[in-house]
Amino acid sequence: MKNYQHILFASDGTAENEAAGEHAKKLAEVFTARISLLRVLDHLPFDEPVDRVPPEDADQVEWFKQDALESLCGFANRFDIPVAAVNVVVTELSPEHEIIRYARENDVDLIIVGARERHGLSLLRGATTDNVVHNAPCDVLIVHL
């Protein structure tokens, strides 16, 4: 079995995705690997309703980035992961592109992502998880959510 040295948990920021994060943390302990947390914001909901709304005078990109960072830091604290391992990327590219880029640039040897069952129209659009699996430079663990 491969001995993993650097595990990347790519989160979508949802509460249910924390189950995948639990797997990442436990595997990091088993392999005494370092762990990184990554959240990619590929589009910002400027024209659609959201649960959290930035103040009118705030830079919306920075506000959403800070909100995502605080969420990941909360996860890191709950699982005793160093906050220095937390990363938020805002991109116009796809999330899978940024996940793969991060893995290559940071010598990641295992990517962990959560996946939900897709139905209806969501089957027609490309899934981030599928694209990461087929293009990753390392092993990928998919945790069913």
C-alpha atoms as a PDB file:
ATOM      1  CA  MET A   1       0.000   0.000   0.000  1.00  0.00           C
ATOM      2  CA  LYS A   2       1.204   3.465  -0.832  1.00  0.00           C
ATOM      3  CA  ASN A   3       2.354   5.643   2.060  1.00  0.00           C
ATOM      4  CA  TYR A   4       0.688   9.028   1.553  1.00  0.00           C
ATOM      5  CA  GLN A   5       2.661  12.105   2.565  1.00  0.00           C
ATOM      6  CA  HIS A   6       0.318  14.973   1.598  1.00  0.00           C
ATOM      7  CA  ILE A   7      -3.473  14.659   1.536  1.00  0.00           C
ATOM      8  CA  LEU A   8      -5.710  17.308  -0.013  1.00  0.00           C
ATOM      9  CA  PHE A   9      -9.328  17.575   1.113  1.00  0.00           C
ATOM     10  CA  ALA A  10     -11.229  19.558  -1.514  1.00  0.00           C
ATOM     11  CA  SER A  11     -14.451  20.826   0.064  1.00  0.00           C
ATOM     12  CA  ASP A  12     -17.506  22.449  -1.449  1.00  0.00           C
ATOM     13  CA  GLY A  13     -18.250  24.113   1.872  1.00  0.00           C
ATOM     14  CA  THR A  14     -21.453  22.217   2.670  1.00  0.00           C
ATOM     15  CA  ALA A  15     -22.032  20.695   6.090  1.00  0.00           C
ATOM     16  CA  GLU A  16     -22.586  17.234   4.604  1.00  0.00           C
ATOM     17  CA  ASN A  17     -19.169  17.434   2.932  1.00  0.00           C
ATOM     18  CA  GLU A  18     -17.547  17.347   6.361  1.00  0.00           C
ATOM     19  CA  ALA A  19     -17.984  13.548   6.309  1.00  0.00           C
ATOM     20  CA  ALA A  20     -15.351  13.464   3.561  1.00  0.00           C
ATOM     21  CA  GLY A  21     -13.195  15.736   5.709  1.00  0.00           C
ATOM     22  CA  GLU A  22     -13.414  13.241   8.558  1.00  0.00           C
ATOM     23  CA  HIS A  23     -11.985  10.581   6.232  1.00  0.00           C
ATOM     24  CA  ALA A  24      -9.192  12.960   5.230  1.00  0.00           C
ATOM     25  CA  LYS A  25      -8.283  13.654   8.845  1.00  0.00           C
ATOM     26  CA  LYS A  26      -8.283   9.968   9.827  1.00  0.00           C
ATOM     27  CA  LEU A  27      -6.173   8.964   6.824  1.00  0.00           C
ATOM     28  CA  ALA A  28      -3.726  11.760   7.587  1.00  0.00           C
ATOM     29  CA  GLU A  29      -3.374  10.334  11.101  1.00  0.00           C
ATOM     30  CA  VAL A  30      -2.914   6.755   9.831  1.00  0.00           C
ATOM     31  CA  PHE A  31      -0.206   7.776   7.352  1.00  0.00           C
ATOM     32  CA  THR A  32       1.197  10.612   9.496  1.00  0.00           C
ATOM     33  CA  ALA A  33       0.662  12.761   6.423  1.00  0.00           C
ATOM     34  CA  ARG A  34       0.179  16.471   6.296  1.00  0.00           C
ATOM     35  CA  ILE A  35      -3.251  17.623   5.225  1.00  0.00           C
ATOM     36  CA  SER A  36      -4.390  20.632   3.223  1.00  0.00           C
ATOM     37  CA  LEU A  37      -7.919  21.963   2.900  1.00  0.00           C
ATOM     38  CA  LEU A  38      -9.053  23.623  -0.316  1.00  0.00           C
ATOM     39  CA  ARG A  39     -12.259  25.375  -1.291  1.00  0.00           C
ATOM     40  CA  VAL A  40     -12.659  26.661  -4.833  1.00  0.00           C
ATOM     41  CA  LEU A  41     -15.135  29.452  -5.574  1.00  0.00           C
ATOM     42  CA  ASP A  42     -15.715  29.195  -9.312  1.00  0.00           C
ATOM     43  CA  HIS A  43     -18.663  31.535  -9.508  1.00  0.00           C
ATOM     44  CA  LEU A  44     -20.092  33.965  -7.055  1.00  0.00           C
ATOM     45  CA  PRO A  45     -23.841  34.263  -6.641  1.00  0.00           C
ATOM     46  CA  PHE A  46     -24.283  37.912  -7.560  1.00  0.00           C
ATOM     47  CA  ASP A  47     -27.647  37.461  -9.253  1.00  0.00           C
ATOM     48  CA  GLU A  48     -29.199  34.615  -7.313  1.00  0.00           C
ATOM     49  CA  PRO A  49     -30.514  34.380  -3.757  1.00  0.00           C
ATOM     50  CA  VAL A  50     -28.093  33.091  -1.134  1.00  0.00           C
ATOM     51  CA  ASP A  51     -28.282  32.333   2.570  1.00  0.00           C
ATOM     52  CA  ARG A  52     -25.603  34.848   3.455  1.00  0.00           C
ATOM     53  CA  VAL A  53     -25.619  38.265   1.832  1.00  0.00           C
ATOM     54  CA  PRO A  54     -22.664  40.662   1.927  1.00  0.00           C
ATOM     55  CA  PRO A  55     -23.174  44.261   3.013  1.00  0.00           C
ATOM     56  CA  GLU A  56     -23.858  46.615   0.121  1.00  0.00           C
ATOM     57  CA  ASP A  57     -20.600  48.522   0.610  1.00  0.00           C
ATOM     58  CA  ALA A  58     -18.435  45.361   0.737  1.00  0.00           C
ATOM     59  CA  ASP A  59     -16.288  44.001  -2.078  1.00  0.00           C
ATOM     60  CA  GLN A  60     -18.420  40.958  -2.861  1.00  0.00           C
ATOM     61  CA  VAL A  61     -15.581  38.765  -4.125  1.00  0.00           C
ATOM     62  CA  GLU A  62     -13.521  39.427  -0.996  1.00  0.00           C
ATOM     63  CA  TRP A  63     -16.559  38.988   1.250  1.00  0.00           C
ATOM     64  CA  PHE A  64     -17.427  35.554  -0.204  1.00  0.00           C
ATOM     65  CA  LYS A  65     -13.758  34.543  -0.105  1.00  0.00           C
ATOM     66  CA  GLN A  66     -13.480  35.558   3.558  1.00  0.00           C
ATOM     67  CA  ASP A  67     -16.741  33.750   4.353  1.00  0.00           C
ATOM     68  CA  ALA A  68     -15.415  30.547   2.730  1.00  0.00           C
ATOM     69  CA  LEU A  69     -12.101  30.931   4.562  1.00  0.00           C
ATOM     70  CA  GLU A  70     -13.849  31.305   7.923  1.00  0.00           C
ATOM     71  CA  SER A  71     -15.929  28.206   7.203  1.00  0.00           C
ATOM     72  CA  LEU A  72     -12.843  26.122   6.347  1.00  0.00           C
ATOM     73  CA  CYS A  73     -10.983  27.468   9.374  1.00  0.00           C
ATOM     74  CA  GLY A  74     -13.906  26.369  11.537  1.00  0.00           C
ATOM     75  CA  PHE A  75     -13.618  22.881  10.070  1.00  0.00           C
ATOM     76  CA  ALA A  76      -9.856  22.913  10.630  1.00  0.00           C
ATOM     77  CA  ASN A  77     -10.331  23.889  14.273  1.00  0.00           C
ATOM     78  CA  ARG A  78     -12.951  21.177  14.886  1.00  0.00           C
ATOM     79  CA  PHE A  79     -10.606  18.534  13.460  1.00  0.00           C
ATOM     80  CA  ASP A  80      -7.388  19.922  14.939  1.00  0.00           C
ATOM     81  CA  ILE A  81      -5.878  20.739  11.537  1.00  0.00           C
ATOM     82  CA  PRO A  82      -3.456  23.679  11.374  1.00  0.00           C
ATOM     83  CA  VAL A  83      -5.158  26.790   9.990  1.00  0.00           C
ATOM     84  CA  ALA A  84      -2.051  27.358   7.851  1.00  0.00           C
ATOM     85  CA  ALA A  85      -3.230  24.349   5.786  1.00  0.00           C
ATOM     86  CA  VAL A  86      -6.445  26.139   4.749  1.00  0.00           C
ATOM     87  CA  ASN A  87      -6.709  27.588   1.230  1.00  0.00           C
ATOM     88  CA  VAL A  88      -9.506  29.360  -0.636  1.00  0.00           C
ATOM     89  CA  VAL A  89      -9.159  30.032  -4.362  1.00  0.00           C
ATOM     90  CA  VAL A  90     -11.429  32.304  -6.386  1.00  0.00           C
ATOM     91  CA  THR A  91     -11.252  31.436 -10.055  1.00  0.00           C
ATOM     92  CA  GLU A  92     -12.976  31.888 -13.369  1.00  0.00           C
ATOM     93  CA  LEU A  93     -11.804  28.394 -14.276  1.00  0.00           C
ATOM     94  CA  SER A  94     -13.480  25.170 -13.165  1.00  0.00           C
ATOM     95  CA  PRO A  95     -13.093  23.812  -9.623  1.00  0.00           C
ATOM     96  CA  GLU A  96     -11.471  20.638 -10.928  1.00  0.00           C
ATOM     97  CA  HIS A  97      -8.843  22.698 -12.767  1.00  0.00           C
ATOM     98  CA  GLU A  98      -7.882  24.451  -9.533  1.00  0.00           C
ATOM     99  CA  ILE A  99      -7.928  21.222  -7.492  1.00  0.00           C
ATOM    100  CA  ILE A 100      -5.633  19.515  -9.989  1.00  0.00           C
ATOM    101  CA  ARG A 101      -3.375  22.587 -10.245  1.00  0.00           C
ATOM    102  CA  TYR A 102      -3.079  22.761  -6.453  1.00  0.00           C
ATOM    103  CA  ALA A 103      -2.291  19.034  -6.245  1.00  0.00           C
ATOM    104  CA  ARG A 104       0.473  19.327  -8.859  1.00  0.00           C
ATOM    105  CA  GLU A 105       2.029  22.470  -7.390  1.00  0.00           C
ATOM    106  CA  ASN A 106       2.004  21.157  -3.816  1.00  0.00           C
ATOM    107  CA  ASP A 107       3.103  17.531  -4.267  1.00  0.00           C
ATOM    108  CA  VAL A 108      -0.236  16.109  -3.158  1.00  0.00           C
ATOM    109  CA  ASP A 109      -0.381  12.329  -3.411  1.00  0.00           C
ATOM    110  CA  LEU A 110      -4.024  11.799  -2.371  1.00  0.00           C
ATOM    111  CA  ILE A 111      -7.052  13.995  -3.123  1.00  0.00           C
ATOM    112  CA  ILE A 112     -10.210  13.394  -1.107  1.00  0.00           C
ATOM    113  CA  VAL A 113     -13.552  14.684  -2.370  1.00  0.00           C
ATOM    114  CA  GLY A 114     -17.139  14.072  -1.406  1.00  0.00           C
ATOM    115  CA  ALA A 115     -19.740  13.100  -3.995  1.00  0.00           C
ATOM    116  CA  ARG A 116     -23.508  13.112  -4.018  1.00  0.00           C
ATOM    117  CA  GLU A 117     -25.761  10.990  -6.158  1.00  0.00           C
ATOM    118  CA  ARG A 118     -26.928  12.981  -9.173  1.00  0.00           C
ATOM    119  CA  HIS A 119     -30.402  12.936 -10.652  1.00  0.00           C
ATOM    120  CA  GLY A 120     -32.283  14.570 -13.504  1.00  0.00           C
ATOM    121  CA  LEU A 121     -30.648  17.525 -15.216  1.00  0.00           C
ATOM    122  CA  SER A 122     -27.588  17.414 -12.978  1.00  0.00           C
ATOM    123  CA  LEU A 123     -26.559  14.253 -14.863  1.00  0.00           C
ATOM    124  CA  LEU A 124     -26.138  16.319 -18.034  1.00  0.00           C
ATOM    125  CA  ARG A 125     -23.529  18.706 -16.677  1.00  0.00           C
ATOM    126  CA  GLY A 126     -19.980  17.663 -15.937  1.00  0.00           C
ATOM    127  CA  ALA A 127     -19.265  16.668 -12.370  1.00  0.00           C
ATOM    128  CA  THR A 128     -16.242  18.090 -10.609  1.00  0.00           C
ATOM    129  CA  THR A 129     -15.546  14.733  -8.978  1.00  0.00           C
ATOM    130  CA  ASP A 130     -15.560  12.853 -12.282  1.00  0.00           C
ATOM    131  CA  ASN A 131     -13.174  15.347 -13.854  1.00  0.00           C
ATOM    132  CA  VAL A 132     -10.801  15.253 -10.877  1.00  0.00           C
ATOM    133  CA  VAL A 133     -10.714  11.440 -10.996  1.00  0.00           C
ATOM    134  CA  HIS A 134      -9.817  11.379 -14.693  1.00  0.00           C
ATOM    135  CA  ASN A 135      -7.228  14.178 -14.609  1.00  0.00           C
ATOM    136  CA  ALA A 136      -5.584  14.064 -11.189  1.00  0.00           C
ATOM    137  CA  PRO A 137      -1.829  13.547 -10.976  1.00  0.00           C
ATOM    138  CA  CYS A 138      -2.333  11.288  -7.934  1.00  0.00           C
ATOM    139  CA  ASP A 139      -4.778   8.939  -6.232  1.00  0.00           C
ATOM    140  CA  VAL A 140      -8.309  10.171  -5.565  1.00  0.00           C
ATOM    141  CA  LEU A 141     -10.624   8.962  -2.807  1.00  0.00           C
ATOM    142  CA  ILE A 142     -14.316   9.656  -3.342  1.00  0.00           C
ATOM    143  CA  VAL A 143     -16.431   9.645  -0.193  1.00  0.00           C
ATOM    144  CA  HIS A 144     -20.114   9.004  -0.821  1.00  0.00           C
ATOM    145  CA  LEU A 145     -22.170  11.649   0.967  1.00  0.00           C
END
